[in-house]
Amino acid sequence: MLRRRPQLLLLLVPFVLFLGALPFVNRVRPVLFGLPFLIVWLIGATIVTPFAVWLTRCADLRAARRGERG
C-alpha cells in the first residue's frame, strides 16, 4: 500500500515530533518565550500536525484525480 500511496509517509512527521524526538527535547533549559523547551516543542508539533494531515489529504485527492488510486 505504501508503494501506491507514498504520501502516507507524511503522517510519520507528527509521530516523530511527538514521540520519536521526546527523549531528546525533554529538557527544562533552554527557556523560550518564558516556557520550558519541551512545552514549546509540543506546541510546535501540535501546530505542524494539521499541516501534515492536510498535505497528505491533498496528495491523496491529487492521486485519485489522476486515477492512481483505487
Protein backbone atom coordinates (compact mmCIF):
# COMPACT_ATOMS: atom_id res chain seq x y z
CA MET A 1 0.00 0.00 0.00
CA LEU A 2 2.87 2.37 0.73
CA ARG A 3 4.19 1.90 -2.79
CA ARG A 4 0.90 3.13 -4.21
CA ARG A 5 0.47 5.89 -1.62
CA PRO A 6 3.87 7.27 -0.59
CA GLN A 7 2.18 10.43 0.69
CA LEU A 8 1.22 8.44 3.79
CA LEU A 9 4.83 8.86 4.92
CA LEU A 10 3.93 12.47 5.73
CA LEU A 11 1.85 11.13 8.60
CA LEU A 12 5.06 9.95 10.24
CA VAL A 13 6.05 13.57 10.82
CA PRO A 14 3.66 14.11 13.77
CA PHE A 15 4.60 10.72 15.23
CA VAL A 16 8.29 11.56 15.16
CA LEU A 17 7.70 15.05 16.52
CA PHE A 18 5.59 13.85 19.45
CA LEU A 19 7.18 10.53 20.36
CA GLY A 20 10.42 9.96 18.49
CA ALA A 21 12.07 13.21 19.49
CA LEU A 22 10.69 13.33 23.02
CA PRO A 23 13.77 11.85 24.76
CA PHE A 24 15.94 14.47 23.06
CA VAL A 25 13.82 17.53 23.82
CA ASN A 26 12.80 16.64 27.38
CA ARG A 27 14.77 19.50 28.92
CA VAL A 28 13.80 22.31 31.24
CA ARG A 29 16.51 24.54 29.88
CA PRO A 30 16.69 26.39 27.50
CA VAL A 31 13.65 28.53 28.11
CA LEU A 32 11.93 30.01 25.06
CA PHE A 33 9.27 32.70 25.41
CA GLY A 34 9.30 32.06 29.16
CA LEU A 35 8.33 28.40 28.69
CA PRO A 36 10.42 25.24 29.07
CA PHE A 37 11.73 23.88 25.79
CA LEU A 38 9.54 20.75 26.00
CA ILE A 39 6.35 22.83 26.11
CA VAL A 40 7.49 24.92 23.13
CA TRP A 41 8.34 21.71 21.26
CA LEU A 42 4.90 20.20 21.92
CA ILE A 43 3.13 23.39 20.87
CA GLY A 44 5.15 23.43 17.65
CA ALA A 45 4.38 19.77 16.97
CA THR A 46 0.68 20.45 17.57
CA ILE A 47 0.78 23.27 15.02
CA VAL A 48 2.66 21.16 12.42
CA THR A 49 0.36 18.11 12.71
CA PRO A 50 -2.69 19.54 10.86
CA PHE A 51 -0.45 20.69 8.03
CA ALA A 52 0.99 17.19 7.62
CA VAL A 53 -2.52 15.72 7.55
CA TRP A 54 -3.69 18.38 5.10
CA LEU A 55 -0.74 17.76 2.77
CA THR A 56 -1.43 14.03 2.87
CA ARG A 57 -5.09 14.60 2.02
CA CYS A 58 -4.20 16.92 -0.86
CA ALA A 59 -1.78 14.35 -2.26
CA ASP A 60 -4.44 11.63 -1.93
CA LEU A 61 -7.00 13.74 -3.77
CA ARG A 62 -4.49 14.58 -6.49
CA ALA A 63 -3.66 10.89 -6.94
CA ALA A 64 -7.36 9.99 -7.07
CA ARG A 65 -7.94 12.59 -9.79
CA ARG A 66 -5.12 11.08 -11.84
CA GLY A 67 -6.61 7.64 -11.35
CA GLU A 68 -3.65 6.23 -9.45
CA ARG A 69 -5.67 5.05 -6.52
CA GLY A 70 -8.49 2.60 -6.33
